[in-house]
Every structure is written in structure tokens, then in C-alpha cells.
């Protein structure tokens, strides 16, 4: 099953002049790079839905929490390496690393 997962944008950047607009998003504590080309209006602090590394929509914090609650209920958070909590501002390991219990 393919899901779009909500993540909170922690950083927005362009890796090189003329390159794609990118960001770092926190998914329940796991921080990953995401492509922001479809969402030129996305800013740091926004919640975005991400499917296979591509941000496809902006959502509000309430909608993101509802999605995380459903994923917790389904037991799907383990599949994405996220903890059972929604994104926590200011926390998260470097891109590509997971928290260890």
C-alpha cells in the first residue's frame, strides 16, 4: 500500500543555483529530504503530505495529527521508522538517521 505521510518542514533550500527546491521534513522524529517543486508556497514550519519523497500537498497541523493517529492505530508508523508521536518541533536526528530506543 502506498501512503502520503505528513511531515513538518524544518528547512527549505535549493541545493545549487537553478536546482530543485528541497526541504528537510520531520516524520515523527525521523528527518528526511523531500522535493518541494510541486509546492512553491511551502515554507519552514508547514506540514506537507509526502509520497515517495515528493511533497504533494500542504495540510494544517490538525490534519497532520489526525493522520498520525490513524497510522498509529494501523500500526503503520513502524514501517516508516517513526515513533508514535507527531512531529516535534526542534527535534530529530540528522537526515537519513533514525532514533534508536
PDB file of N, CA and C in Angstrom:
ATOM      1  N   UNK A   1       0.849  -1.169   0.000  1.00  0.00           N
ATOM      2  CA  UNK A   1       0.000   0.000   0.000  1.00  0.00           C
ATOM      3  C   UNK A   1       0.896   1.234   0.000  1.00  0.00           C
ATOM      4  N   UNK A   2       0.554   2.220  -0.771  1.00  0.00           N
ATOM      5  CA  UNK A   2       1.302   3.476  -0.822  1.00  0.00           C
ATOM      6  C   UNK A   2       0.538   4.534  -0.037  1.00  0.00           C
ATOM      7  N   UNK A   3       1.264   5.247   0.798  1.00  0.00           N
ATOM      8  CA  UNK A   3       0.659   6.294   1.609  1.00  0.00           C
ATOM      9  C   UNK A   3       1.404   7.597   1.424  1.00  0.00           C
ATOM     10  N   UNK A   4       0.690   8.690   1.569  1.00  0.00           N
ATOM     11  CA  UNK A   4       1.326  10.001   1.697  1.00  0.00           C
ATOM     12  C   UNK A   4       1.360  10.290   3.191  1.00  0.00           C
ATOM     13  N   UNK A   5       2.527  10.594   3.710  1.00  0.00           N
ATOM     14  CA  UNK A   5       2.737  10.777   5.142  1.00  0.00           C
ATOM     15  C   UNK A   5       2.954  12.260   5.430  1.00  0.00           C
ATOM     16  N   UNK A   6       2.317  12.812   6.472  1.00  0.00           N
ATOM     17  CA  UNK A   6       2.543  14.218   6.807  1.00  0.00           C
ATOM     18  C   UNK A   6       3.880  14.406   7.516  1.00  0.00           C
ATOM     19  N   UNK A   7       4.566  15.452   7.133  1.00  0.00           N
ATOM     20  CA  UNK A   7       5.821  15.809   7.783  1.00  0.00           C
ATOM     21  C   UNK A   7       5.882  17.310   7.964  1.00  0.00           C
ATOM     22  N   UNK A   8       6.594  17.745   8.995  1.00  0.00           N
ATOM     23  CA  UNK A   8       6.755  19.177   9.246  1.00  0.00           C
ATOM     24  C   UNK A   8       8.062  19.646   8.629  1.00  0.00           C
ATOM     25  N   UNK A   9       7.975  20.675   7.779  1.00  0.00           N
ATOM     26  CA  UNK A   9       9.178  21.210   7.149  1.00  0.00           C
ATOM     27  C   UNK A   9      10.041  21.918   8.179  1.00  0.00           C
ATOM     28  N   UNK A  10      11.271  21.456   8.309  1.00  0.00           N
ATOM     29  CA  UNK A  10      12.229  22.049   9.237  1.00  0.00           C
ATOM     30  C   UNK A  10      13.176  23.001   8.525  1.00  0.00           C
ATOM     31  N   UNK A  11      13.324  22.807   7.213  1.00  0.00           N
ATOM     32  CA  UNK A  11      14.259  23.618   6.428  1.00  0.00           C
ATOM     33  C   UNK A  11      13.811  23.590   4.973  1.00  0.00           C
ATOM     34  N   UNK A  12      13.970  24.712   4.279  1.00  0.00           N
ATOM     35  CA  UNK A  12      13.684  24.803   2.849  1.00  0.00           C
ATOM     36  C   UNK A  12      14.930  25.377   2.188  1.00  0.00           C
ATOM     37  N   UNK A  13      15.376  24.760   1.086  1.00  0.00           N
ATOM     38  CA  UNK A  13      16.603  25.216   0.437  1.00  0.00           C
ATOM     39  C   UNK A  13      16.631  24.785  -1.022  1.00  0.00           C
ATOM     40  N   UNK A  14      17.543  25.376  -1.777  1.00  0.00           N
ATOM     41  CA  UNK A  14      17.841  24.965  -3.141  1.00  0.00           C
ATOM     42  C   UNK A  14      19.298  24.526  -3.132  1.00  0.00           C
ATOM     43  N   UNK A  15      19.590  23.244  -3.400  1.00  0.00           N
ATOM     44  CA  UNK A  15      20.946  22.735  -3.239  1.00  0.00           C
ATOM     45  C   UNK A  15      21.994  23.408  -4.124  1.00  0.00           C
ATOM     46  N   UNK A  16      21.578  23.900  -5.294  1.00  0.00           N
ATOM     47  CA  UNK A  16      22.505  24.612  -6.169  1.00  0.00           C
ATOM     48  C   UNK A  16      21.693  25.551  -7.049  1.00  0.00           C
ATOM     49  N   UNK A  17      22.314  26.620  -7.573  1.00  0.00           N
ATOM     50  CA  UNK A  17      21.562  27.584  -8.394  1.00  0.00           C
ATOM     51  C   UNK A  17      20.825  26.893  -9.542  1.00  0.00           C
ATOM     52  N   UNK A  18      19.557  27.209  -9.675  1.00  0.00           N
ATOM     53  CA  UNK A  18      18.735  26.624 -10.730  1.00  0.00           C
ATOM     54  C   UNK A  18      18.260  25.213 -10.432  1.00  0.00           C
ATOM     55  N   UNK A  19      18.573  24.711  -9.236  1.00  0.00           N
ATOM     56  CA  UNK A  19      18.190  23.342  -8.872  1.00  0.00           C
ATOM     57  C   UNK A  19      16.777  23.267  -8.331  1.00  0.00           C
ATOM     58  N   UNK A  20      16.362  22.055  -8.040  1.00  0.00           N
ATOM     59  CA  UNK A  20      15.045  21.828  -7.455  1.00  0.00           C
ATOM     60  C   UNK A  20      14.968  22.422  -6.061  1.00  0.00           C
ATOM     61  N   UNK A  21      13.798  22.879  -5.708  1.00  0.00           N
ATOM     62  CA  UNK A  21      13.532  23.356  -4.349  1.00  0.00           C
ATOM     63  C   UNK A  21      13.353  22.131  -3.463  1.00  0.00           C
ATOM     64  N   UNK A  22      14.120  22.061  -2.385  1.00  0.00           N
ATOM     65  CA  UNK A  22      14.127  20.905  -1.499  1.00  0.00           C
ATOM     66  C   UNK A  22      13.830  21.337  -0.073  1.00  0.00           C
ATOM     67  N   UNK A  23      13.573  20.372   0.780  1.00  0.00           N
ATOM     68  CA  UNK A  23      13.364  20.654   2.188  1.00  0.00           C
ATOM     69  C   UNK A  23      13.745  19.455   3.027  1.00  0.00           C
ATOM     70  N   UNK A  24      13.836  19.691   4.322  1.00  0.00           N
ATOM     71  CA  UNK A  24      14.017  18.611   5.291  1.00  0.00           C
ATOM     72  C   UNK A  24      12.753  18.589   6.130  1.00  0.00           C
ATOM     73  N   UNK A  25      12.112  17.437   6.167  1.00  0.00           N
ATOM     74  CA  UNK A  25      10.850  17.296   6.893  1.00  0.00           C
ATOM     75  C   UNK A  25      10.996  16.250   7.988  1.00  0.00           C
ATOM     76  N   UNK A  26      10.336  16.515   9.115  1.00  0.00           N
ATOM     77  CA  UNK A  26      10.333  15.592  10.245  1.00  0.00           C
ATOM     78  C   UNK A  26       9.060  14.760  10.206  1.00  0.00           C
ATOM     79  N   UNK A  27       9.237  13.441  10.237  1.00  0.00           N
ATOM     80  CA  UNK A  27       8.132  12.490  10.243  1.00  0.00           C
ATOM     81  C   UNK A  27       8.165  11.751  11.571  1.00  0.00           C
ATOM     82  N   UNK A  28       7.524  12.302  12.576  1.00  0.00           N
ATOM     83  CA  UNK A  28       7.514  11.662  13.885  1.00  0.00           C
ATOM     84  C   UNK A  28       8.902  11.493  14.469  1.00  0.00           C
ATOM     85  N   UNK A  29       9.808  12.400  14.155  1.00  0.00           N
ATOM     86  CA  UNK A  29      11.168  12.349  14.679  1.00  0.00           C
ATOM     87  C   UNK A  29      12.206  11.905  13.668  1.00  0.00           C
ATOM     88  N   UNK A  30      11.787  11.305  12.563  1.00  0.00           N
ATOM     89  CA  UNK A  30      12.704  10.909  11.502  1.00  0.00           C
ATOM     90  C   UNK A  30      12.743  12.050  10.490  1.00  0.00           C
ATOM     91  N   UNK A  31      13.940  12.580  10.216  1.00  0.00           N
ATOM     92  CA  UNK A  31      14.076  13.713   9.299  1.00  0.00           C
ATOM     93  C   UNK A  31      14.592  13.203   7.957  1.00  0.00           C
ATOM     94  N   UNK A  32      13.876  13.575   6.891  1.00  0.00           N
ATOM     95  CA  UNK A  32      14.261  13.144   5.543  1.00  0.00           C
ATOM     96  C   UNK A  32      14.174  14.314   4.576  1.00  0.00           C
ATOM     97  N   UNK A  33      14.933  14.200   3.478  1.00  0.00           N
ATOM     98  CA  UNK A  33      14.857  15.201   2.419  1.00  0.00           C
ATOM     99  C   UNK A  33      13.599  14.969   1.592  1.00  0.00           C
ATOM    100  N   UNK A  34      12.967  16.078   1.183  1.00  0.00           N
ATOM    101  CA  UNK A  34      11.784  15.993   0.329  1.00  0.00           C
ATOM    102  C   UNK A  34      11.903  17.011  -0.794  1.00  0.00           C
ATOM    103  N   UNK A  35      11.346  16.664  -1.942  1.00  0.00           N
ATOM    104  CA  UNK A  35      11.311  17.565  -3.085  1.00  0.00           C
ATOM    105  C   UNK A  35      10.077  18.455  -2.951  1.00  0.00           C
ATOM    106  N   UNK A  36      10.270  19.775  -3.072  1.00  0.00           N
ATOM    107  CA  UNK A  36       9.175  20.739  -2.886  1.00  0.00           C
ATOM    108  C   UNK A  36       8.732  21.410  -4.188  1.00  0.00           C
ATOM    109  N   UNK A  37       9.145  20.881  -5.323  1.00  0.00           N
ATOM    110  CA  UNK A  37       8.837  21.527  -6.600  1.00  0.00           C
ATOM    111  C   UNK A  37       7.342  21.690  -6.859  1.00  0.00           C
ATOM    112  N   UNK A  38       6.501  20.794  -6.369  1.00  0.00           N
ATOM    113  CA  UNK A  38       5.056  20.915  -6.595  1.00  0.00           C
ATOM    114  C   UNK A  38       4.393  21.909  -5.649  1.00  0.00           C
ATOM    115  N   UNK A  39       5.131  22.358  -4.627  1.00  0.00           N
ATOM    116  CA  UNK A  39       4.569  23.264  -3.622  1.00  0.00           C
ATOM    117  C   UNK A  39       5.454  24.501  -3.461  1.00  0.00           C
ATOM    118  N   UNK A  40       5.450  25.390  -4.439  1.00  0.00           N
ATOM    119  CA  UNK A  40       6.321  26.568  -4.348  1.00  0.00           C
ATOM    120  C   UNK A  40       5.998  27.468  -3.164  1.00  0.00           C
ATOM    121  N   UNK A  41       4.786  27.351  -2.607  1.00  0.00           N
ATOM    122  CA  UNK A  41       4.383  28.198  -1.482  1.00  0.00           C
ATOM    123  C   UNK A  41       4.779  27.607  -0.127  1.00  0.00           C
ATOM    124  N   UNK A  42       5.271  26.372  -0.090  1.00  0.00           N
ATOM    125  CA  UNK A  42       5.618  25.710   1.175  1.00  0.00           C
ATOM    126  C   UNK A  42       6.778  26.426   1.859  1.00  0.00           C
ATOM    127  N   UNK A  43       6.635  26.614   3.172  1.00  0.00           N
ATOM    128  CA  UNK A  43       7.633  27.319   3.980  1.00  0.00           C
ATOM    129  C   UNK A  43       8.005  26.479   5.195  1.00  0.00           C
ATOM    130  N   UNK A  44       9.131  26.808   5.802  1.00  0.00           N
ATOM    131  CA  UNK A  44       9.538  26.166   7.046  1.00  0.00           C
ATOM    132  C   UNK A  44       8.406  26.280   8.066  1.00  0.00           C
ATOM    133  N   UNK A  45       8.096  25.179   8.738  1.00  0.00           N
ATOM    134  CA  UNK A  45       7.015  25.138   9.722  1.00  0.00           C
ATOM    135  C   UNK A  45       5.714  24.589   9.173  1.00  0.00           C
ATOM    136  N   UNK A  46       5.557  24.566   7.840  1.00  0.00           N
ATOM    137  CA  UNK A  46       4.356  23.994   7.229  1.00  0.00           C
ATOM    138  C   UNK A  46       4.370  22.475   7.369  1.00  0.00           C
ATOM    139  N   UNK A  47       3.182  21.884   7.379  1.00  0.00           N
ATOM    140  CA  UNK A  47       3.039  20.438   7.293  1.00  0.00           C
ATOM    141  C   UNK A  47       2.715  20.108   5.848  1.00  0.00           C
ATOM    142  N   UNK A  48       3.413  19.116   5.300  1.00  0.00           N
ATOM    143  CA  UNK A  48       3.197  18.707   3.914  1.00  0.00           C
ATOM    144  C   UNK A  48       2.969  17.203   3.864  1.00  0.00           C
ATOM    145  N   UNK A  49       2.164  16.763   2.903  1.00  0.00           N
ATOM    146  CA  UNK A  49       1.986  15.334   2.650  1.00  0.00           C
ATOM    147  C   UNK A  49       3.063  14.910   1.666  1.00  0.00           C
ATOM    148  N   UNK A  50       3.792  13.854   2.002  1.00  0.00           N
ATOM    149  CA  UNK A  50       4.914  13.406   1.176  1.00  0.00           C
ATOM    150  C   UNK A  50       4.660  11.977   0.709  1.00  0.00           C
ATOM    151  N   UNK A  51       4.797  11.789  -0.596  1.00  0.00           N
ATOM    152  CA  UNK A  51       4.668  10.466  -1.206  1.00  0.00           C
ATOM    153  C   UNK A  51       5.951  10.193  -1.977  1.00  0.00           C
ATOM    154  N   UNK A  52       6.639   9.111  -1.645  1.00  0.00           N
ATOM    155  CA  UNK A  52       7.917   8.715  -2.244  1.00  0.00           C
ATOM    156  C   UNK A  52       8.887   9.893  -2.416  1.00  0.00           C
ATOM    157  N   UNK A  53       9.014  10.709  -1.384  1.00  0.00           N
ATOM    158  CA  UNK A  53       9.986  11.797  -1.381  1.00  0.00           C
ATOM    159  C   UNK A  53       9.525  13.093  -2.013  1.00  0.00           C
ATOM    160  N   UNK A  54       8.303  13.136  -2.518  1.00  0.00           N
ATOM    161  CA  UNK A  54       7.774  14.326  -3.178  1.00  0.00           C
ATOM    162  C   UNK A  54       6.627  14.903  -2.354  1.00  0.00           C
ATOM    163  N   UNK A  55       6.768  16.163  -1.939  1.00  0.00           N
ATOM    164  CA  UNK A  55       5.686  16.836  -1.215  1.00  0.00           C
ATOM    165  C   UNK A  55       4.577  17.138  -2.215  1.00  0.00           C
ATOM    166  N   UNK A  56       3.368  16.636  -1.933  1.00  0.00           N
ATOM    167  CA  UNK A  56       2.280  16.760  -2.908  1.00  0.00           C
ATOM    168  C   UNK A  56       1.161  17.686  -2.455  1.00  0.00           C
ATOM    169  N   UNK A  57       1.118  18.045  -1.169  1.00  0.00           N
ATOM    170  CA  UNK A  57       0.057  18.932  -0.670  1.00  0.00           C
ATOM    171  C   UNK A  57       0.462  19.489   0.685  1.00  0.00           C
ATOM    172  N   UNK A  58      -0.071  20.668   0.996  1.00  0.00           N
ATOM    173  CA  UNK A  58       0.086  21.236   2.338  1.00  0.00           C
ATOM    174  C   UNK A  58      -1.141  20.852   3.148  1.00  0.00           C
ATOM    175  N   UNK A  59      -0.938  20.593   4.443  1.00  0.00           N
ATOM    176  CA  UNK A  59      -2.045  20.303   5.353  1.00  0.00           C
ATOM    177  C   UNK A  59      -1.817  21.088   6.635  1.00  0.00           C
ATOM    178  N   UNK A  60      -2.904  21.310   7.389  1.00  0.00           N
ATOM    179  CA  UNK A  60      -2.731  22.018   8.659  1.00  0.00           C
ATOM    180  C   UNK A  60      -2.302  21.020   9.737  1.00  0.00           C
ATOM    181  N   UNK A  61      -1.868  21.553  10.874  1.00  0.00           N
ATOM    182  CA  UNK A  61      -1.351  20.721  11.964  1.00  0.00           C
ATOM    183  C   UNK A  61      -2.400  19.730  12.466  1.00  0.00           C
ATOM    184  N   UNK A  62      -3.672  20.144  12.516  1.00  0.00           N
ATOM    185  CA  UNK A  62      -4.737  19.242  12.972  1.00  0.00           C
ATOM    186  C   UNK A  62      -4.881  18.039  12.042  1.00  0.00           C
ATOM    187  N   UNK A  63      -4.845  18.296  10.740  1.00  0.00           N
ATOM    188  CA  UNK A  63      -4.956  17.205   9.766  1.00  0.00           C
ATOM    189  C   UNK A  63      -3.754  16.266   9.876  1.00  0.00           C
ATOM    190  N   UNK A  64      -2.565  16.834  10.081  1.00  0.00           N
ATOM    191  CA  UNK A  64      -1.367  16.006  10.249  1.00  0.00           C
ATOM    192  C   UNK A  64      -1.510  15.109  11.476  1.00  0.00           C
ATOM    193  N   UNK A  65      -2.001  15.657  12.586  1.00  0.00           N
ATOM    194  CA  UNK A  65      -2.182  14.864  13.809  1.00  0.00           C
ATOM    195  C   UNK A  65      -3.223  13.768  13.601  1.00  0.00           C
ATOM    196  N   UNK A  66      -4.312  14.067  12.886  1.00  0.00           N
ATOM    197  CA  UNK A  66      -5.324  13.040  12.605  1.00  0.00           C
ATOM    198  C   UNK A  66      -4.710  11.891  11.799  1.00  0.00           C
ATOM    199  N   UNK A  67      -3.885  12.235  10.828  1.00  0.00           N
ATOM    200  CA  UNK A  67      -3.241  11.209  10.007  1.00  0.00           C
ATOM    201  C   UNK A  67      -2.305  10.362  10.853  1.00  0.00           C
ATOM    202  N   UNK A  68      -1.502  11.017  11.725  1.00  0.00           N
ATOM    203  CA  UNK A  68      -0.611  10.255  12.601  1.00  0.00           C
ATOM    204  C   UNK A  68      -1.406   9.349  13.536  1.00  0.00           C
ATOM    205  N   UNK A  69      -2.553   9.817  14.028  1.00  0.00           N
ATOM    206  CA  UNK A  69      -3.390   8.990  14.905  1.00  0.00           C
ATOM    207  C   UNK A  69      -3.869   7.741  14.158  1.00  0.00           C
ATOM    208  N   UNK A  70      -4.291   7.915  12.909  1.00  0.00           N
ATOM    209  CA  UNK A  70      -4.732   6.767  12.108  1.00  0.00           C
ATOM    210  C   UNK A  70      -3.581   5.807  11.844  1.00  0.00           C
ATOM    211  N   UNK A  71      -2.399   6.347  11.539  1.00  0.00           N
ATOM    212  CA  UNK A  71      -1.239   5.492  11.293  1.00  0.00           C
ATOM    213  C   UNK A  71      -0.848   4.716  12.550  1.00  0.00           C
ATOM    214  N   UNK A  72      -0.945   5.381  13.719  1.00  0.00           N
ATOM    215  CA  UNK A  72      -0.673   4.695  14.991  1.00  0.00           C
ATOM    216  C   UNK A  72      -1.653   3.539  15.177  1.00  0.00           C
ATOM    217  N   UNK A  73      -2.934   3.830  14.917  1.00  0.00           N
ATOM    218  CA  UNK A  73      -3.986   2.827  15.068  1.00  0.00           C
ATOM    219  C   UNK A  73      -3.747   1.625  14.152  1.00  0.00           C
ATOM    220  N   UNK A  74      -3.262   1.887  12.949  1.00  0.00           N
ATOM    221  CA  UNK A  74      -2.991   0.827  11.977  1.00  0.00           C
ATOM    222  C   UNK A  74      -1.676   0.101  12.263  1.00  0.00           C
ATOM    223  N   UNK A  75      -0.844   0.681  13.128  1.00  0.00           N
ATOM    224  CA  UNK A  75       0.475   0.104  13.382  1.00  0.00           C
ATOM    225  C   UNK A  75       1.448   0.360  12.257  1.00  0.00           C
ATOM    226  N   UNK A  76       1.179   1.386  11.450  1.00  0.00           N
ATOM    227  CA  UNK A  76       1.994   1.659  10.268  1.00  0.00           C
ATOM    228  C   UNK A  76       3.176   2.578  10.537  1.00  0.00           C
ATOM    229  N   UNK A  77       3.265   3.185  11.704  1.00  0.00           N
ATOM    230  CA  UNK A  77       4.372   4.107  11.964  1.00  0.00           C
ATOM    231  C   UNK A  77       5.714   3.383  11.983  1.00  0.00           C
ATOM    232  N   UNK A  78       5.734   2.138  12.441  1.00  0.00           N
ATOM    233  CA  UNK A  78       6.979   1.385  12.468  1.00  0.00           C
ATOM    234  C   UNK A  78       7.536   1.198  11.058  1.00  0.00           C
ATOM    235  N   UNK A  79       6.644   1.057  10.081  1.00  0.00           N
ATOM    236  CA  UNK A  79       7.069   0.857   8.698  1.00  0.00           C
ATOM    237  C   UNK A  79       7.837   2.045   8.154  1.00  0.00           C
ATOM    238  N   UNK A  80       7.514   3.249   8.630  1.00  0.00           N
ATOM    239  CA  UNK A  80       8.220   4.435   8.146  1.00  0.00           C
ATOM    240  C   UNK A  80       9.333   4.848   9.092  1.00  0.00           C
ATOM    241  N   UNK A  81       9.522   4.092  10.177  1.00  0.00           N
ATOM    242  CA  UNK A  81      10.589   4.390  11.116  1.00  0.00           C
ATOM    243  C   UNK A  81      10.262   5.511  12.066  1.00  0.00           C
ATOM    244  N   UNK A  82       8.997   5.875  12.180  1.00  0.00           N
ATOM    245  CA  UNK A  82       8.600   6.982  13.050  1.00  0.00           C
ATOM    246  C   UNK A  82       8.174   6.449  14.406  1.00  0.00           C
ATOM    247  N   UNK A  83       8.305   7.304  15.390  1.00  0.00           N
ATOM    248  CA  UNK A  83       7.818   6.969  16.714  1.00  0.00           C
ATOM    249  C   UNK A  83       6.316   7.207  16.735  1.00  0.00           C
ATOM    250  N   UNK A  84       5.677   6.901  17.818  1.00  0.00           N
ATOM    251  CA  UNK A  84       4.225   7.001  17.918  1.00  0.00           C
ATOM    252  C   UNK A  84       3.750   8.404  18.250  1.00  0.00           C
ATOM    253  N   UNK A  85       4.537   9.398  17.964  1.00  0.00           N
ATOM    254  CA  UNK A  85       4.153  10.784  18.242  1.00  0.00           C
ATOM    255  C   UNK A  85       4.213  11.591  16.961  1.00  0.00           C
ATOM    256  N   UNK A  86       3.441  12.676  16.888  1.00  0.00           N
ATOM    257  CA  UNK A  86       3.523  13.543  15.720  1.00  0.00           C
ATOM    258  C   UNK A  86       4.853  14.277  15.719  1.00  0.00           C
ATOM    259  N   UNK A  87       5.223  14.954  14.621  1.00  0.00           N
ATOM    260  CA  UNK A  87       6.476  15.693  14.571  1.00  0.00           C
ATOM    261  C   UNK A  87       6.611  16.642  15.755  1.00  0.00           C
ATOM    262  N   UNK A  88       7.800  16.677  16.338  1.00  0.00           N
ATOM    263  CA  UNK A  88       8.068  17.511  17.497  1.00  0.00           C
ATOM    264  C   UNK A  88       9.032  18.615  17.094  1.00  0.00           C
ATOM    265  N   UNK A  89       8.596  19.885  17.124  1.00  0.00           N
ATOM    266  CA  UNK A  89       9.459  20.986  16.693  1.00  0.00           C
ATOM    267  C   UNK A  89      10.805  20.965  17.402  1.00  0.00           C
ATOM    268  N   UNK A  90      11.862  21.161  16.631  1.00  0.00           N
ATOM    269  CA  UNK A  90      13.197  21.275  17.180  1.00  0.00           C
ATOM    270  C   UNK A  90      13.883  19.959  17.475  1.00  0.00           C
ATOM    271  N   UNK A  91      13.231  18.836  17.208  1.00  0.00           N
ATOM    272  CA  UNK A  91      13.848  17.550  17.488  1.00  0.00           C
ATOM    273  C   UNK A  91      14.007  16.756  16.213  1.00  0.00           C
ATOM    274  N   UNK A  92      14.861  15.776  16.284  1.00  0.00           N
ATOM    275  CA  UNK A  92      15.040  14.869  15.169  1.00  0.00           C
ATOM    276  C   UNK A  92      16.501  14.696  14.841  1.00  0.00           C
ATOM    277  N   UNK A  93      16.883  13.483  14.462  1.00  0.00           N
ATOM    278  CA  UNK A  93      18.263  13.200  14.099  1.00  0.00           C
ATOM    279  C   UNK A  93      18.577  13.779  12.729  1.00  0.00           C
ATOM    280  N   UNK A  94      19.841  13.787  12.335  1.00  0.00           N
ATOM    281  CA  UNK A  94      20.201  14.270  11.001  1.00  0.00           C
ATOM    282  C   UNK A  94      19.490  13.471   9.919  1.00  0.00           C
ATOM    283  N   UNK A  95      19.417  14.038   8.728  1.00  0.00           N
ATOM    284  CA  UNK A  95      18.767  13.383   7.599  1.00  0.00           C
ATOM    285  C   UNK A  95      19.355  11.994   7.400  1.00  0.00           C
ATOM    286  N   UNK A  96      18.489  11.016   7.216  1.00  0.00           N
ATOM    287  CA  UNK A  96      18.912   9.657   6.934  1.00  0.00           C
ATOM    288  C   UNK A  96      19.188   8.806   8.158  1.00  0.00           C
ATOM    289  N   UNK A  97      19.184   9.385   9.353  1.00  0.00           N
ATOM    290  CA  UNK A  97      19.425   8.614  10.567  1.00  0.00           C
ATOM    291  C   UNK A  97      18.123   8.429  11.320  1.00  0.00           C
ATOM    292  N   UNK A  98      18.000   7.318  12.017  1.00  0.00           N
ATOM    293  CA  UNK A  98      16.814   7.044  12.819  1.00  0.00           C
ATOM    294  C   UNK A  98      17.186   7.084  14.286  1.00  0.00           C
ATOM    295  N   UNK A  99      16.221   7.457  15.091  1.00  0.00           N
ATOM    296  CA  UNK A  99      16.416   7.388  16.534  1.00  0.00           C
ATOM    297  C   UNK A  99      16.432   5.931  16.954  1.00  0.00           C
ATOM    298  N   UNK A 100      17.227   5.628  17.913  1.00  0.00           N
ATOM    299  CA  UNK A 100      17.271   4.287  18.483  1.00  0.00           C
ATOM    300  C   UNK A 100      16.700   4.350  19.893  1.00  0.00           C
ATOM    301  N   UNK A 101      15.860   3.374  20.294  1.00  0.00           N
ATOM    302  CA  UNK A 101      15.291   3.376  21.655  1.00  0.00           C
ATOM    303  C   UNK A 101      16.352   3.147  22.709  1.00  0.00           C
TER     304      UNK A 101
END
